[in-house]
């Protein structure tokens, strides 16, 4: 069960996970040990899955990104999604409802690499067909959004 104090700690970590427990404690008027204990509890419960840098792929030279909808042969979803997730250029894979079985987010440095990633999907056994949308502009991308 997550209480108000846990929510406050999560909000601070979502805002900046590099700040120390002492800094978070000061902001929240808590003792640093309390922040450490609550953070450890949230990590153990897998509410906090890890810590990472939020990268700007465009600034790293990944000029092409897209959304690939994937239709997968019945009964082969999990094994096919696992293969898709290992493709170079695949940023995320989601199991979805609707006409398609899965959606992947992809990124590539140039048009040729982008084309190669898309064609790699069709080379995987049990992928029946795909529909790709090129992302033109990112309006909002908040993977570390304030959920609490």
C-alpha atoms as a PDB file:
ATOM      1  CA  UNK A   1       0.000   0.000   0.000  1.00  0.00           C
ATOM      2  CA  UNK A   2       1.368   3.376  -1.012  1.00  0.00           C
ATOM      3  CA  UNK A   3       0.609   6.249   1.322  1.00  0.00           C
ATOM      4  CA  UNK A   4       0.909  10.026   0.935  1.00  0.00           C
ATOM      5  CA  UNK A   5       4.546  10.084   2.081  1.00  0.00           C
ATOM      6  CA  UNK A   6       5.455   7.391  -0.481  1.00  0.00           C
ATOM      7  CA  UNK A   7       3.747   9.468  -3.162  1.00  0.00           C
ATOM      8  CA  UNK A   8       5.800  12.506  -2.174  1.00  0.00           C
ATOM      9  CA  UNK A   9       9.047  10.509  -2.332  1.00  0.00           C
ATOM     10  CA  UNK A  10       8.051   9.104  -5.746  1.00  0.00           C
ATOM     11  CA  UNK A  11       7.215  12.592  -7.009  1.00  0.00           C
ATOM     12  CA  UNK A  12      10.657  13.851  -5.968  1.00  0.00           C
ATOM     13  CA  UNK A  13      12.449  10.864  -7.505  1.00  0.00           C
ATOM     14  CA  UNK A  14      10.455  11.251 -10.739  1.00  0.00           C
ATOM     15  CA  UNK A  15      11.431  14.905 -10.872  1.00  0.00           C
ATOM     16  CA  UNK A  16      15.127  14.159 -10.326  1.00  0.00           C
ATOM     17  CA  UNK A  17      16.356  10.693  -9.361  1.00  0.00           C
ATOM     18  CA  UNK A  18      19.923  11.972  -8.925  1.00  0.00           C
ATOM     19  CA  UNK A  19      19.134  14.018  -5.841  1.00  0.00           C
ATOM     20  CA  UNK A  20      20.292  12.553  -2.561  1.00  0.00           C
ATOM     21  CA  UNK A  21      18.028  11.195   0.158  1.00  0.00           C
ATOM     22  CA  UNK A  22      19.181  14.125   2.275  1.00  0.00           C
ATOM     23  CA  UNK A  23      17.977  16.604  -0.406  1.00  0.00           C
ATOM     24  CA  UNK A  24      14.641  14.807  -0.760  1.00  0.00           C
ATOM     25  CA  UNK A  25      14.220  14.687   3.021  1.00  0.00           C
ATOM     26  CA  UNK A  26      14.860  18.409   3.276  1.00  0.00           C
ATOM     27  CA  UNK A  27      12.303  19.191   0.553  1.00  0.00           C
ATOM     28  CA  UNK A  28       9.688  16.965   2.176  1.00  0.00           C
ATOM     29  CA  UNK A  29      10.492  17.796   5.807  1.00  0.00           C
ATOM     30  CA  UNK A  30      11.347  14.159   6.513  1.00  0.00           C
ATOM     31  CA  UNK A  31      14.325  12.481   8.119  1.00  0.00           C
ATOM     32  CA  UNK A  32      16.839  11.121   5.537  1.00  0.00           C
ATOM     33  CA  UNK A  33      16.517   7.614   7.023  1.00  0.00           C
ATOM     34  CA  UNK A  34      12.761   7.765   6.410  1.00  0.00           C
ATOM     35  CA  UNK A  35      13.372   8.603   2.746  1.00  0.00           C
ATOM     36  CA  UNK A  36      15.903   5.767   2.422  1.00  0.00           C
ATOM     37  CA  UNK A  37      13.545   3.276   4.082  1.00  0.00           C
ATOM     38  CA  UNK A  38      10.585   4.281   1.922  1.00  0.00           C
ATOM     39  CA  UNK A  39      12.677   4.213  -1.254  1.00  0.00           C
ATOM     40  CA  UNK A  40      13.984   0.724  -0.411  1.00  0.00           C
ATOM     41  CA  UNK A  41      10.424  -0.459   0.250  1.00  0.00           C
ATOM     42  CA  UNK A  42       9.253   0.919  -3.121  1.00  0.00           C
ATOM     43  CA  UNK A  43      12.204  -0.715  -4.888  1.00  0.00           C
ATOM     44  CA  UNK A  44      11.501  -4.069  -3.233  1.00  0.00           C
ATOM     45  CA  UNK A  45       7.828  -3.836  -4.238  1.00  0.00           C
ATOM     46  CA  UNK A  46       8.987  -3.088  -7.837  1.00  0.00           C
ATOM     47  CA  UNK A  47       7.124   0.234  -7.840  1.00  0.00           C
ATOM     48  CA  UNK A  48      10.531   1.720  -8.626  1.00  0.00           C
ATOM     49  CA  UNK A  49      11.906  -0.504 -11.401  1.00  0.00           C
ATOM     50  CA  UNK A  50      15.262   1.208 -11.722  1.00  0.00           C
ATOM     51  CA  UNK A  51      17.034   4.472 -12.383  1.00  0.00           C
ATOM     52  CA  UNK A  52      18.207   5.720 -15.743  1.00  0.00           C
ATOM     53  CA  UNK A  53      18.992   8.790 -17.786  1.00  0.00           C
ATOM     54  CA  UNK A  54      16.150  10.171 -19.901  1.00  0.00           C
ATOM     55  CA  UNK A  55      17.916  10.497 -23.264  1.00  0.00           C
ATOM     56  CA  UNK A  56      17.033  12.777 -26.161  1.00  0.00           C
ATOM     57  CA  UNK A  57      17.443  10.371 -29.090  1.00  0.00           C
ATOM     58  CA  UNK A  58      17.339  13.200 -31.632  1.00  0.00           C
ATOM     59  CA  UNK A  59      20.339  14.881 -30.039  1.00  0.00           C
ATOM     60  CA  UNK A  60      22.140  11.533 -30.128  1.00  0.00           C
ATOM     61  CA  UNK A  61      21.730  11.395 -33.900  1.00  0.00           C
ATOM     62  CA  UNK A  62      18.619   9.226 -34.146  1.00  0.00           C
ATOM     63  CA  UNK A  63      16.833  11.326 -36.756  1.00  0.00           C
ATOM     64  CA  UNK A  64      14.098   8.802 -37.614  1.00  0.00           C
ATOM     65  CA  UNK A  65      11.609   7.325 -35.186  1.00  0.00           C
ATOM     66  CA  UNK A  66       8.381   5.492 -35.722  1.00  0.00           C
ATOM     67  CA  UNK A  67       5.562   3.381 -34.418  1.00  0.00           C
ATOM     68  CA  UNK A  68       5.187  -0.098 -35.874  1.00  0.00           C
ATOM     69  CA  UNK A  69       1.917  -1.959 -35.457  1.00  0.00           C
ATOM     70  CA  UNK A  70       2.428  -5.706 -35.782  1.00  0.00           C
ATOM     71  CA  UNK A  71      -0.005  -8.500 -36.625  1.00  0.00           C
ATOM     72  CA  UNK A  72       1.301 -11.811 -35.255  1.00  0.00           C
ATOM     73  CA  UNK A  73       0.188 -15.344 -36.064  1.00  0.00           C
ATOM     74  CA  UNK A  74      -2.224 -16.728 -33.479  1.00  0.00           C
ATOM     75  CA  UNK A  75      -0.499 -18.646 -30.682  1.00  0.00           C
ATOM     76  CA  UNK A  76       2.923 -17.120 -31.383  1.00  0.00           C
ATOM     77  CA  UNK A  77       2.599 -13.761 -29.640  1.00  0.00           C
ATOM     78  CA  UNK A  78       5.034 -14.057 -26.730  1.00  0.00           C
ATOM     79  CA  UNK A  79       7.894 -15.707 -28.613  1.00  0.00           C
ATOM     80  CA  UNK A  80       7.510 -13.238 -31.487  1.00  0.00           C
ATOM     81  CA  UNK A  81       7.414 -10.214 -29.179  1.00  0.00           C
ATOM     82  CA  UNK A  82      10.583 -11.491 -27.509  1.00  0.00           C
ATOM     83  CA  UNK A  83      12.328 -11.658 -30.902  1.00  0.00           C
ATOM     84  CA  UNK A  84      11.085  -8.185 -31.824  1.00  0.00           C
ATOM     85  CA  UNK A  85      12.337  -6.764 -28.539  1.00  0.00           C
ATOM     86  CA  UNK A  86      15.875  -7.927 -29.371  1.00  0.00           C
ATOM     87  CA  UNK A  87      16.028  -6.136 -32.744  1.00  0.00           C
ATOM     88  CA  UNK A  88      18.535  -3.300 -32.942  1.00  0.00           C
ATOM     89  CA  UNK A  89      16.637  -0.022 -33.056  1.00  0.00           C
ATOM     90  CA  UNK A  90      13.614  -1.218 -31.088  1.00  0.00           C
ATOM     91  CA  UNK A  91      13.041   1.127 -28.147  1.00  0.00           C
ATOM     92  CA  UNK A  92       9.855  -0.435 -26.710  1.00  0.00           C
ATOM     93  CA  UNK A  93       7.402  -3.263 -27.408  1.00  0.00           C
ATOM     94  CA  UNK A  94       3.816  -3.276 -26.173  1.00  0.00           C
ATOM     95  CA  UNK A  95       1.119  -5.955 -26.132  1.00  0.00           C
ATOM     96  CA  UNK A  96      -2.051  -4.141 -27.246  1.00  0.00           C
ATOM     97  CA  UNK A  97      -5.710  -4.624 -28.026  1.00  0.00           C
ATOM     98  CA  UNK A  98      -7.357  -3.903 -31.360  1.00  0.00           C
ATOM     99  CA  UNK A  99      -6.600  -4.854 -34.938  1.00  0.00           C
ATOM    100  CA  UNK A 100      -2.888  -5.365 -34.246  1.00  0.00           C
ATOM    101  CA  UNK A 101      -1.379  -7.595 -31.576  1.00  0.00           C
ATOM    102  CA  UNK A 102       1.680  -5.562 -30.702  1.00  0.00           C
ATOM    103  CA  UNK A 103       3.159  -2.103 -31.132  1.00  0.00           C
ATOM    104  CA  UNK A 104       6.845  -1.230 -31.201  1.00  0.00           C
ATOM    105  CA  UNK A 105       8.598   2.112 -30.978  1.00  0.00           C
ATOM    106  CA  UNK A 106      11.713   2.256 -33.137  1.00  0.00           C
ATOM    107  CA  UNK A 107      14.571   4.711 -33.643  1.00  0.00           C
ATOM    108  CA  UNK A 108      17.250   4.941 -36.329  1.00  0.00           C
ATOM    109  CA  UNK A 109      20.034   7.323 -37.268  1.00  0.00           C
ATOM    110  CA  UNK A 110      19.111   7.632 -40.953  1.00  0.00           C
ATOM    111  CA  UNK A 111      16.520   6.602 -43.544  1.00  0.00           C
ATOM    112  CA  UNK A 112      18.399   3.463 -44.621  1.00  0.00           C
ATOM    113  CA  UNK A 113      18.726   2.248 -41.033  1.00  0.00           C
ATOM    114  CA  UNK A 114      15.045   3.047 -40.432  1.00  0.00           C
ATOM    115  CA  UNK A 115      14.090   0.989 -43.499  1.00  0.00           C
ATOM    116  CA  UNK A 116      16.297  -1.886 -42.319  1.00  0.00           C
ATOM    117  CA  UNK A 117      14.639  -1.972 -38.892  1.00  0.00           C
ATOM    118  CA  UNK A 118      11.160  -2.038 -40.423  1.00  0.00           C
ATOM    119  CA  UNK A 119      12.118  -4.829 -42.845  1.00  0.00           C
ATOM    120  CA  UNK A 120      13.639  -6.796 -39.950  1.00  0.00           C
ATOM    121  CA  UNK A 121      10.158  -7.159 -38.459  1.00  0.00           C
ATOM    122  CA  UNK A 122       8.903  -8.942 -41.566  1.00  0.00           C
ATOM    123  CA  UNK A 123      11.878 -11.335 -41.508  1.00  0.00           C
ATOM    124  CA  UNK A 124      10.757 -12.687 -38.125  1.00  0.00           C
ATOM    125  CA  UNK A 125       8.727 -15.895 -38.391  1.00  0.00           C
ATOM    126  CA  UNK A 126       5.045 -15.502 -37.435  1.00  0.00           C
ATOM    127  CA  UNK A 127       4.900 -11.761 -38.178  1.00  0.00           C
ATOM    128  CA  UNK A 128       2.005 -11.601 -40.618  1.00  0.00           C
ATOM    129  CA  UNK A 129       2.168  -7.909 -41.475  1.00  0.00           C
ATOM    130  CA  UNK A 130       3.058  -4.499 -40.111  1.00  0.00           C
ATOM    131  CA  UNK A 131       1.860  -0.926 -40.383  1.00  0.00           C
ATOM    132  CA  UNK A 132       4.456   1.765 -39.787  1.00  0.00           C
ATOM    133  CA  UNK A 133       3.926   5.396 -38.882  1.00  0.00           C
ATOM    134  CA  UNK A 134       6.861   7.803 -39.031  1.00  0.00           C
ATOM    135  CA  UNK A 135       6.983  10.227 -36.121  1.00  0.00           C
ATOM    136  CA  UNK A 136       7.343  13.728 -37.538  1.00  0.00           C
ATOM    137  CA  UNK A 137       7.395  15.819 -34.375  1.00  0.00           C
ATOM    138  CA  UNK A 138       7.428  14.907 -30.707  1.00  0.00           C
ATOM    139  CA  UNK A 139       4.879  17.097 -28.944  1.00  0.00           C
ATOM    140  CA  UNK A 140       5.238  15.443 -25.527  1.00  0.00           C
ATOM    141  CA  UNK A 141       7.408  12.575 -24.397  1.00  0.00           C
ATOM    142  CA  UNK A 142       7.217  12.121 -20.660  1.00  0.00           C
ATOM    143  CA  UNK A 143       8.395   8.645 -19.766  1.00  0.00           C
ATOM    144  CA  UNK A 144       9.020   9.915 -16.256  1.00  0.00           C
ATOM    145  CA  UNK A 145       5.634  11.537 -15.794  1.00  0.00           C
ATOM    146  CA  UNK A 146       4.202  12.578 -12.477  1.00  0.00           C
ATOM    147  CA  UNK A 147       1.734   9.793 -11.773  1.00  0.00           C
ATOM    148  CA  UNK A 148       1.159  10.382  -8.107  1.00  0.00           C
END
